[in-house]
């Protein structure tokens, strides 16, 4: 046994192993990064919470009070403008509007927590009205970085519980899974921080650094990134096991599923946006050009399978974040499948624009000022 332990220690001491450990380990985030991520994620959480009216259409209502005339409604409905904004989400997905309440008062096909608890209270009008007085203060505290050991478990329960009720109707929608997973990971980290140092975890004291110079905020952000990467990588790998290795061979049949989903959405509400004549153009292309379809979809699944490489360093965070966003954009374009909340998670935790803006600013400041004449260069050298 001691020989095995010695070999493991020797392996871990090899330069390339230590280098990989250093890169894939927990990075150190600047305070401004943590603040930006916290505020943006709080905003995203507000958009995903089932608070119903008036918060579910609050963005448009607020705009109409400021500038009457339904101008924003026209802008939001302008498809050309929304297309030009890509790869950013559409305008209506950027407004401060929450989700409507869960529209089901039963759970005929219990899923997850619904197998043990009755979650239909998320459909109760009284509970929904009270929920806003719980969720909104929690979001404000989260954005401020205060009281997270209390705030995060509440937000995590609301997110998981409400979406579990939605998924207990006989079908599964996974557009909110990544948000709930990140909330769950952050909840575990903050409870661990509470156990180690309650005052730091509650935000009453500046977080202390460990021997590697990391704080529990660095751990919280890193575990959020891990959940995002896992949300991509696990489905990509499982596809191959579930299909017995035949996923790529039969991938062109996804075109049939796109047609079925499109028609089902139309007949559910008779929404003109899902009319049969507006079927995604590439649905038939997938069935008629099988090899091209296998190649296109194979690139997407291949990206999922190597998603772990996105955690190597900040540059790979950026590269994979952008590729994930483009991946969703192409899915929206080709199949009409959109996951805007997932894209926002990529923008916040992987692309991390505030850091790169700061990095470019620092690079610009360190760049030497060019000398205009040889005489000025000679004097500077002297």
Protein backbone atom coordinates (compact mmCIF):
# COMPACT_ATOMS: atom_id res chain seq x y z
CA UNK A 1 0.00 0.00 0.00
CA UNK A 2 2.83 2.40 0.85
CA UNK A 3 4.44 1.67 -2.54
CA UNK A 4 1.23 2.66 -4.32
CA UNK A 5 1.02 5.86 -2.27
CA UNK A 6 4.65 6.68 -3.10
CA UNK A 7 4.02 6.15 -6.82
CA UNK A 8 0.97 8.40 -6.67
CA UNK A 9 3.01 11.12 -4.94
CA UNK A 10 5.78 10.77 -7.52
CA UNK A 11 3.24 11.05 -10.32
CA UNK A 12 1.73 14.17 -8.76
CA UNK A 13 5.18 15.78 -8.48
CA UNK A 14 5.88 15.51 -12.19
CA UNK A 15 6.13 18.99 -13.77
CA UNK A 16 3.41 18.48 -16.38
CA UNK A 17 0.99 17.09 -13.75
CA UNK A 18 1.66 20.03 -11.44
CA UNK A 19 1.19 22.41 -14.36
CA UNK A 20 -2.19 20.86 -15.22
CA UNK A 21 -3.25 20.97 -11.57
CA UNK A 22 -2.31 24.63 -11.39
CA UNK A 23 -4.31 25.52 -14.51
CA UNK A 24 -7.36 23.41 -13.75
CA UNK A 25 -7.34 24.42 -10.09
CA UNK A 26 -9.34 27.22 -8.54
CA UNK A 27 -8.31 30.58 -10.10
CA UNK A 28 -8.14 33.83 -8.16
CA UNK A 29 -10.88 36.25 -9.19
CA UNK A 30 -10.64 39.99 -8.72
CA UNK A 31 -13.17 41.64 -6.45
CA UNK A 32 -14.77 43.57 -9.33
CA UNK A 33 -15.30 40.30 -11.21
CA UNK A 34 -17.08 38.74 -8.25
CA UNK A 35 -19.30 41.82 -7.87
CA UNK A 36 -20.23 41.90 -11.57
CA UNK A 37 -20.99 38.17 -11.63
CA UNK A 38 -23.04 38.44 -8.46
CA UNK A 39 -25.15 41.36 -9.70
CA UNK A 40 -25.70 39.90 -13.17
CA UNK A 41 -26.59 36.49 -11.77
CA UNK A 42 -29.06 38.10 -9.34
CA UNK A 43 -30.67 39.84 -12.33
CA UNK A 44 -30.85 36.53 -14.20
CA UNK A 45 -32.36 34.82 -11.16
CA UNK A 46 -35.07 37.47 -11.04
CA UNK A 47 -35.90 36.65 -14.66
CA UNK A 48 -36.21 32.92 -13.86
CA UNK A 49 -38.34 33.23 -10.70
CA UNK A 50 -42.10 32.43 -11.06
CA UNK A 51 -43.29 35.75 -9.59
CA UNK A 52 -46.13 36.27 -12.11
CA UNK A 53 -47.71 39.66 -12.89
CA UNK A 54 -46.92 42.49 -12.49
CA UNK A 55 -43.28 41.33 -12.44
CA UNK A 56 -43.68 38.98 -15.39
CA UNK A 57 -44.31 41.95 -17.71
CA UNK A 58 -42.60 44.59 -15.60
CA UNK A 59 -40.07 45.61 -18.24
CA UNK A 60 -42.68 46.67 -20.78
CA UNK A 61 -44.90 48.27 -18.13
CA UNK A 62 -42.03 50.36 -16.81
CA UNK A 63 -41.06 51.54 -20.28
CA UNK A 64 -44.65 52.51 -21.09
CA UNK A 65 -44.87 54.63 -17.94
CA UNK A 66 -41.66 56.47 -18.83
CA UNK A 67 -42.37 56.93 -22.54
CA UNK A 68 -46.02 56.18 -23.47
CA UNK A 69 -46.87 54.99 -26.95
CA UNK A 70 -45.97 51.29 -26.97
CA UNK A 71 -42.66 52.09 -28.61
CA UNK A 72 -40.77 49.39 -26.72
CA UNK A 73 -43.39 46.80 -27.68
CA UNK A 74 -42.65 47.58 -31.31
CA UNK A 75 -38.90 47.40 -30.72
CA UNK A 76 -39.19 44.08 -28.88
CA UNK A 77 -41.27 42.68 -31.71
CA UNK A 78 -38.83 43.84 -34.40
CA UNK A 79 -37.39 40.51 -35.62
CA UNK A 80 -34.76 42.19 -37.81
CA UNK A 81 -33.41 44.12 -34.82
CA UNK A 82 -33.39 41.03 -32.60
CA UNK A 83 -31.57 39.10 -35.31
CA UNK A 84 -28.99 41.89 -35.62
CA UNK A 85 -28.35 41.69 -31.87
CA UNK A 86 -27.20 38.08 -32.08
CA UNK A 87 -25.31 36.43 -30.46
CA UNK A 88 -26.86 38.45 -27.62
CA UNK A 89 -30.31 37.22 -26.53
CA UNK A 90 -33.38 39.05 -27.93
CA UNK A 91 -34.41 42.35 -26.34
CA UNK A 92 -37.36 40.87 -24.48
CA UNK A 93 -34.96 38.41 -22.81
CA UNK A 94 -32.85 41.27 -21.50
CA UNK A 95 -35.71 43.21 -19.88
CA UNK A 96 -36.32 43.06 -16.10
CA UNK A 97 -39.24 40.64 -16.32
CA UNK A 98 -39.79 37.52 -14.22
CA UNK A 99 -41.44 34.25 -15.24
CA UNK A 100 -45.18 33.66 -14.83
CA UNK A 101 -46.35 31.36 -12.06
CA UNK A 102 -46.28 27.62 -12.72
CA UNK A 103 -49.60 26.92 -14.53
CA UNK A 104 -50.24 23.46 -13.05
CA UNK A 105 -52.18 22.54 -9.91
CA UNK A 106 -51.29 18.83 -9.94
CA UNK A 107 -48.28 16.61 -10.51
CA UNK A 108 -49.57 13.55 -12.43
CA UNK A 109 -46.04 12.34 -13.30
CA UNK A 110 -43.95 13.20 -10.22
CA UNK A 111 -40.33 13.95 -11.00
CA UNK A 112 -37.46 14.44 -8.55
CA UNK A 113 -38.60 16.14 -5.34
CA UNK A 114 -42.24 15.78 -6.43
CA UNK A 115 -41.98 12.06 -5.64
CA UNK A 116 -41.68 12.98 -1.96
CA UNK A 117 -43.41 16.36 -1.65
CA UNK A 118 -46.54 18.04 -2.96
CA UNK A 119 -45.21 21.10 -4.78
CA UNK A 120 -48.52 22.36 -6.14
CA UNK A 121 -48.39 25.33 -3.74
CA UNK A 122 -46.26 27.03 -6.40
CA UNK A 123 -49.53 27.40 -8.32
CA UNK A 124 -51.41 28.95 -5.38
CA UNK A 125 -52.17 32.65 -5.92
CA UNK A 126 -51.66 33.50 -2.24
CA UNK A 127 -48.27 31.80 -2.16
CA UNK A 128 -47.16 33.49 -5.39
CA UNK A 129 -48.09 36.92 -3.99
CA UNK A 130 -46.14 36.18 -0.80
CA UNK A 131 -43.22 34.76 -2.78
CA UNK A 132 -42.27 38.15 -4.19
CA UNK A 133 -41.72 39.49 -0.65
CA UNK A 134 -39.30 36.63 -0.06
CA UNK A 135 -37.48 36.38 -3.38
CA UNK A 136 -36.83 40.05 -4.16
CA UNK A 137 -35.16 40.87 -0.78
CA UNK A 138 -33.11 37.67 -1.18
CA UNK A 139 -31.94 38.82 -4.61
CA UNK A 140 -30.97 42.24 -3.27
CA UNK A 141 -28.99 40.63 -0.45
CA UNK A 142 -27.34 38.24 -2.91
CA UNK A 143 -26.29 41.13 -5.16
CA UNK A 144 -24.81 42.87 -2.11
CA UNK A 145 -23.03 39.69 -0.96
CA UNK A 146 -24.79 39.63 2.41
CA UNK A 147 -26.52 36.77 4.22
CA UNK A 148 -25.79 34.18 1.53
CA UNK A 149 -26.11 31.15 3.88
CA UNK A 150 -29.76 32.16 4.34
CA UNK A 151 -30.45 33.63 0.91
CA UNK A 152 -29.04 30.91 -1.35
CA UNK A 153 -30.94 27.93 0.13
CA UNK A 154 -34.21 29.88 -0.31
CA UNK A 155 -33.48 30.82 -3.92
CA UNK A 156 -32.27 27.29 -4.64
CA UNK A 157 -35.48 25.75 -3.25
CA UNK A 158 -37.72 28.13 -5.20
CA UNK A 159 -35.85 27.44 -8.44
CA UNK A 160 -35.71 23.66 -8.07
CA UNK A 161 -39.17 23.28 -6.51
CA UNK A 162 -41.06 25.34 -9.07
CA UNK A 163 -39.35 23.73 -12.06
CA UNK A 164 -39.84 20.27 -10.57
CA UNK A 165 -43.59 20.93 -10.52
CA UNK A 166 -43.36 22.03 -14.16
CA UNK A 167 -41.46 18.84 -15.05
CA UNK A 168 -43.98 16.62 -13.23
CA UNK A 169 -46.57 16.84 -16.00
CA UNK A 170 -45.24 14.03 -18.17
CA UNK A 171 -42.60 15.93 -20.11
CA UNK A 172 -39.29 17.56 -19.24
CA UNK A 173 -38.07 21.05 -20.08
CA UNK A 174 -34.42 21.62 -19.20
CA UNK A 175 -34.10 25.34 -19.97
CA UNK A 176 -33.72 26.11 -16.25
CA UNK A 177 -31.56 23.13 -15.22
CA UNK A 178 -28.26 24.97 -15.46
CA UNK A 179 -29.53 27.88 -13.35
CA UNK A 180 -30.73 25.48 -10.64
CA UNK A 181 -27.48 23.50 -10.72
CA UNK A 182 -25.38 26.63 -10.26
CA UNK A 183 -27.63 27.72 -7.40
CA UNK A 184 -27.23 24.30 -5.80
CA UNK A 185 -23.43 24.42 -6.16
CA UNK A 186 -23.28 27.92 -4.68
CA UNK A 187 -25.51 26.85 -1.80
CA UNK A 188 -23.16 23.95 -0.93
CA UNK A 189 -20.10 26.22 -1.10
CA UNK A 190 -21.63 28.92 1.09
CA UNK A 191 -22.78 26.40 3.70
CA UNK A 192 -19.23 25.01 3.75
CA UNK A 193 -17.96 28.59 4.22
CA UNK A 194 -20.52 29.09 7.03
CA UNK A 195 -19.14 26.05 8.82
CA UNK A 196 -15.56 27.33 8.55
CA UNK A 197 -16.14 31.00 9.33
CA UNK A 198 -19.73 32.19 9.93
CA UNK A 199 -18.94 35.93 9.93
CA UNK A 200 -17.15 35.74 6.57
CA UNK A 201 -19.89 33.64 5.01
CA UNK A 202 -22.57 36.08 6.17
CA UNK A 203 -20.63 38.99 4.65
CA UNK A 204 -19.82 40.71 7.96
CA UNK A 205 -16.08 40.34 7.51
CA UNK A 206 -13.68 40.45 4.56
CA UNK A 207 -13.01 36.89 3.29
CA UNK A 208 -9.65 35.55 4.38
CA UNK A 209 -7.24 33.89 1.96
CA UNK A 210 -5.99 30.32 2.24
CA UNK A 211 -2.41 29.22 1.64
CA UNK A 212 -2.94 29.48 -2.13
CA UNK A 213 -4.30 33.01 -1.86
CA UNK A 214 -7.88 31.97 -2.62
CA UNK A 215 -11.06 32.93 -0.77
CA UNK A 216 -14.36 31.09 -0.60
CA UNK A 217 -15.68 33.52 -3.22
CA UNK A 218 -13.13 32.07 -5.66
CA UNK A 219 -14.42 28.60 -4.80
CA UNK A 220 -18.03 29.71 -5.32
CA UNK A 221 -17.35 31.14 -8.79
CA UNK A 222 -15.25 28.12 -9.80
CA UNK A 223 -17.97 25.67 -8.78
CA UNK A 224 -20.46 27.73 -10.77
CA UNK A 225 -18.22 27.30 -13.82
CA UNK A 226 -17.94 23.59 -13.10
CA UNK A 227 -21.73 23.19 -13.10
CA UNK A 228 -21.96 25.00 -16.44
CA UNK A 229 -19.29 22.80 -18.01
CA UNK A 230 -20.88 19.65 -16.54
CA UNK A 231 -24.26 20.68 -17.99
CA UNK A 232 -22.70 20.54 -21.44
CA UNK A 233 -20.29 17.65 -21.06
CA UNK A 234 -22.50 15.07 -19.33
CA UNK A 235 -25.29 15.12 -21.99
CA UNK A 236 -22.68 14.95 -24.77
CA UNK A 237 -21.08 11.82 -23.28
CA UNK A 238 -24.37 10.17 -22.25
CA UNK A 239 -25.72 10.48 -25.82
CA UNK A 240 -23.12 7.95 -26.94
CA UNK A 241 -23.83 5.44 -24.14
CA UNK A 242 -27.62 5.66 -24.42
CA UNK A 243 -27.54 5.16 -28.18
CA UNK A 244 -25.01 2.33 -28.11
CA UNK A 245 -22.63 4.48 -30.15
CA UNK A 246 -25.21 5.07 -32.91
CA UNK A 247 -26.10 8.68 -32.08
CA UNK A 248 -24.11 10.14 -34.97
CA UNK A 249 -25.48 7.53 -37.38
CA UNK A 250 -29.11 8.40 -36.55
CA UNK A 251 -28.69 12.10 -35.79
CA UNK A 252 -30.49 13.20 -38.98
CA UNK A 253 -33.76 11.91 -37.50
CA UNK A 254 -33.71 14.90 -35.16
CA UNK A 255 -35.37 16.68 -38.08
CA UNK A 256 -38.49 14.58 -37.43
CA UNK A 257 -38.47 15.62 -33.77
CA UNK A 258 -38.16 19.28 -34.76
CA UNK A 259 -41.26 18.97 -36.94
CA UNK A 260 -43.18 17.20 -34.15
CA UNK A 261 -42.20 19.80 -31.55
CA UNK A 262 -43.05 22.68 -33.87
CA UNK A 263 -46.51 21.32 -34.63
CA UNK A 264 -47.19 20.44 -30.99
CA UNK A 265 -46.34 24.01 -29.92
CA UNK A 266 -48.72 25.36 -32.56
CA UNK A 267 -51.66 23.16 -31.63
CA UNK A 268 -51.15 23.80 -27.90
CA UNK A 269 -51.93 27.53 -28.14
CA UNK A 270 -52.53 28.15 -31.87
CA UNK A 271 -49.74 30.70 -31.69
CA UNK A 272 -49.05 32.20 -35.12
CA UNK A 273 -45.30 32.13 -34.45
CA UNK A 274 -45.51 28.32 -34.55
CA UNK A 275 -47.70 28.07 -37.66
CA UNK A 276 -46.96 25.05 -39.90
CA UNK A 277 -45.74 27.32 -42.70
CA UNK A 278 -43.08 28.72 -40.35
CA UNK A 279 -41.38 25.38 -39.86
CA UNK A 280 -37.58 25.79 -39.48
CA UNK A 281 -36.12 25.55 -42.96
CA UNK A 282 -33.39 23.15 -41.96
CA UNK A 283 -35.80 20.51 -40.61
CA UNK A 284 -36.30 19.04 -44.09
CA UNK A 285 -32.66 19.68 -44.95
CA UNK A 286 -31.65 17.33 -42.13
CA UNK A 287 -33.66 14.48 -43.58
CA UNK A 288 -32.57 15.10 -47.16
CA UNK A 289 -28.84 15.62 -46.47
CA UNK A 290 -27.96 13.03 -43.88
CA UNK A 291 -24.17 13.25 -43.98
CA UNK A 292 -24.11 17.04 -43.75
CA UNK A 293 -26.46 16.78 -40.78
CA UNK A 294 -24.23 14.21 -39.08
CA UNK A 295 -21.24 16.50 -39.59
CA UNK A 296 -23.00 19.62 -38.24
CA UNK A 297 -24.50 17.90 -35.22
CA UNK A 298 -21.29 15.97 -34.62
CA UNK A 299 -19.41 19.26 -34.21
CA UNK A 300 -21.89 20.34 -31.52
CA UNK A 301 -21.68 17.05 -29.61
CA UNK A 302 -17.91 17.02 -30.00
CA UNK A 303 -17.81 20.47 -28.38
CA UNK A 304 -19.86 19.12 -25.48
CA UNK A 305 -17.54 16.14 -25.02
CA UNK A 306 -14.41 18.32 -24.72
CA UNK A 307 -16.11 21.05 -22.66
CA UNK A 308 -13.84 20.26 -19.69
CA UNK A 309 -10.96 21.95 -21.53
CA UNK A 310 -12.81 25.22 -21.06
CA UNK A 311 -11.66 25.24 -17.44
CA UNK A 312 -7.93 25.28 -18.33
CA UNK A 313 -7.42 29.04 -18.00
CA UNK A 314 -9.14 32.36 -18.58
CA UNK A 315 -8.54 32.29 -22.32
CA UNK A 316 -10.19 28.88 -22.69
CA UNK A 317 -13.05 30.17 -20.49
CA UNK A 318 -13.57 32.88 -23.10
CA UNK A 319 -13.13 30.64 -26.15
CA UNK A 320 -15.46 27.89 -24.95
CA UNK A 321 -17.98 30.42 -23.64
CA UNK A 322 -18.17 32.03 -27.09
CA UNK A 323 -18.40 28.61 -28.79
CA UNK A 324 -21.25 27.55 -26.47
CA UNK A 325 -23.13 30.77 -27.29
CA UNK A 326 -22.62 30.19 -31.02
CA UNK A 327 -23.74 26.59 -30.50
CA UNK A 328 -27.05 27.80 -29.03
CA UNK A 329 -27.39 30.43 -31.73
CA UNK A 330 -27.10 27.78 -34.44
CA UNK A 331 -29.62 25.57 -32.64
CA UNK A 332 -32.03 28.48 -32.57
CA UNK A 333 -31.38 29.21 -36.24
CA UNK A 334 -31.56 25.61 -37.44
CA UNK A 335 -34.19 24.02 -35.23
CA UNK A 336 -35.99 26.84 -33.43
CA UNK A 337 -34.59 25.50 -30.11
CA UNK A 338 -33.53 28.32 -27.81
CA UNK A 339 -32.15 28.37 -24.27
CA UNK A 340 -31.61 32.04 -23.57
CA UNK A 341 -31.04 31.64 -19.82
CA UNK A 342 -28.27 29.15 -20.56
CA UNK A 343 -26.65 31.62 -22.95
CA UNK A 344 -26.75 34.31 -20.26
CA UNK A 345 -24.96 31.93 -17.87
CA UNK A 346 -22.21 31.53 -20.47
CA UNK A 347 -21.90 35.31 -20.81
CA UNK A 348 -21.71 35.84 -17.05
CA UNK A 349 -19.43 33.05 -15.81
CA UNK A 350 -17.36 32.04 -18.85
CA UNK A 351 -17.07 34.96 -21.28
CA UNK A 352 -16.80 37.41 -18.34
CA UNK A 353 -16.63 40.64 -20.36
CA UNK A 354 -15.77 42.90 -17.35
CA UNK A 355 -12.49 41.02 -16.86
CA UNK A 356 -11.47 41.28 -20.52
CA UNK A 357 -12.36 44.97 -20.63
CA UNK A 358 -10.13 45.47 -17.58
CA UNK A 359 -7.37 43.32 -19.14
CA UNK A 360 -7.38 45.35 -22.38
CA UNK A 361 -7.31 48.58 -20.37
CA UNK A 362 -4.29 47.37 -18.41
CA UNK A 363 -2.54 46.32 -21.61
CA UNK A 364 -3.19 49.73 -23.15
CA UNK A 365 -1.75 51.50 -20.10
CA UNK A 366 1.42 49.40 -20.08
CA UNK A 367 2.07 49.96 -23.80
CA UNK A 368 4.98 52.42 -24.26
CA UNK A 369 4.21 55.75 -25.90
CA UNK A 370 5.81 55.81 -29.39
CA UNK A 371 8.59 58.42 -29.81
CA UNK A 372 8.00 60.76 -32.73
CA UNK A 373 11.60 61.65 -33.69
CA UNK A 374 15.08 60.03 -33.52
CA UNK A 375 16.19 62.92 -31.29
CA UNK A 376 13.52 62.10 -28.72
CA UNK A 377 14.61 58.45 -28.81
CA UNK A 378 18.27 59.45 -28.24
CA UNK A 379 17.36 61.66 -25.29
CA UNK A 380 15.21 58.91 -23.76
CA UNK A 381 18.08 56.42 -24.03
CA UNK A 382 20.46 58.86 -22.39
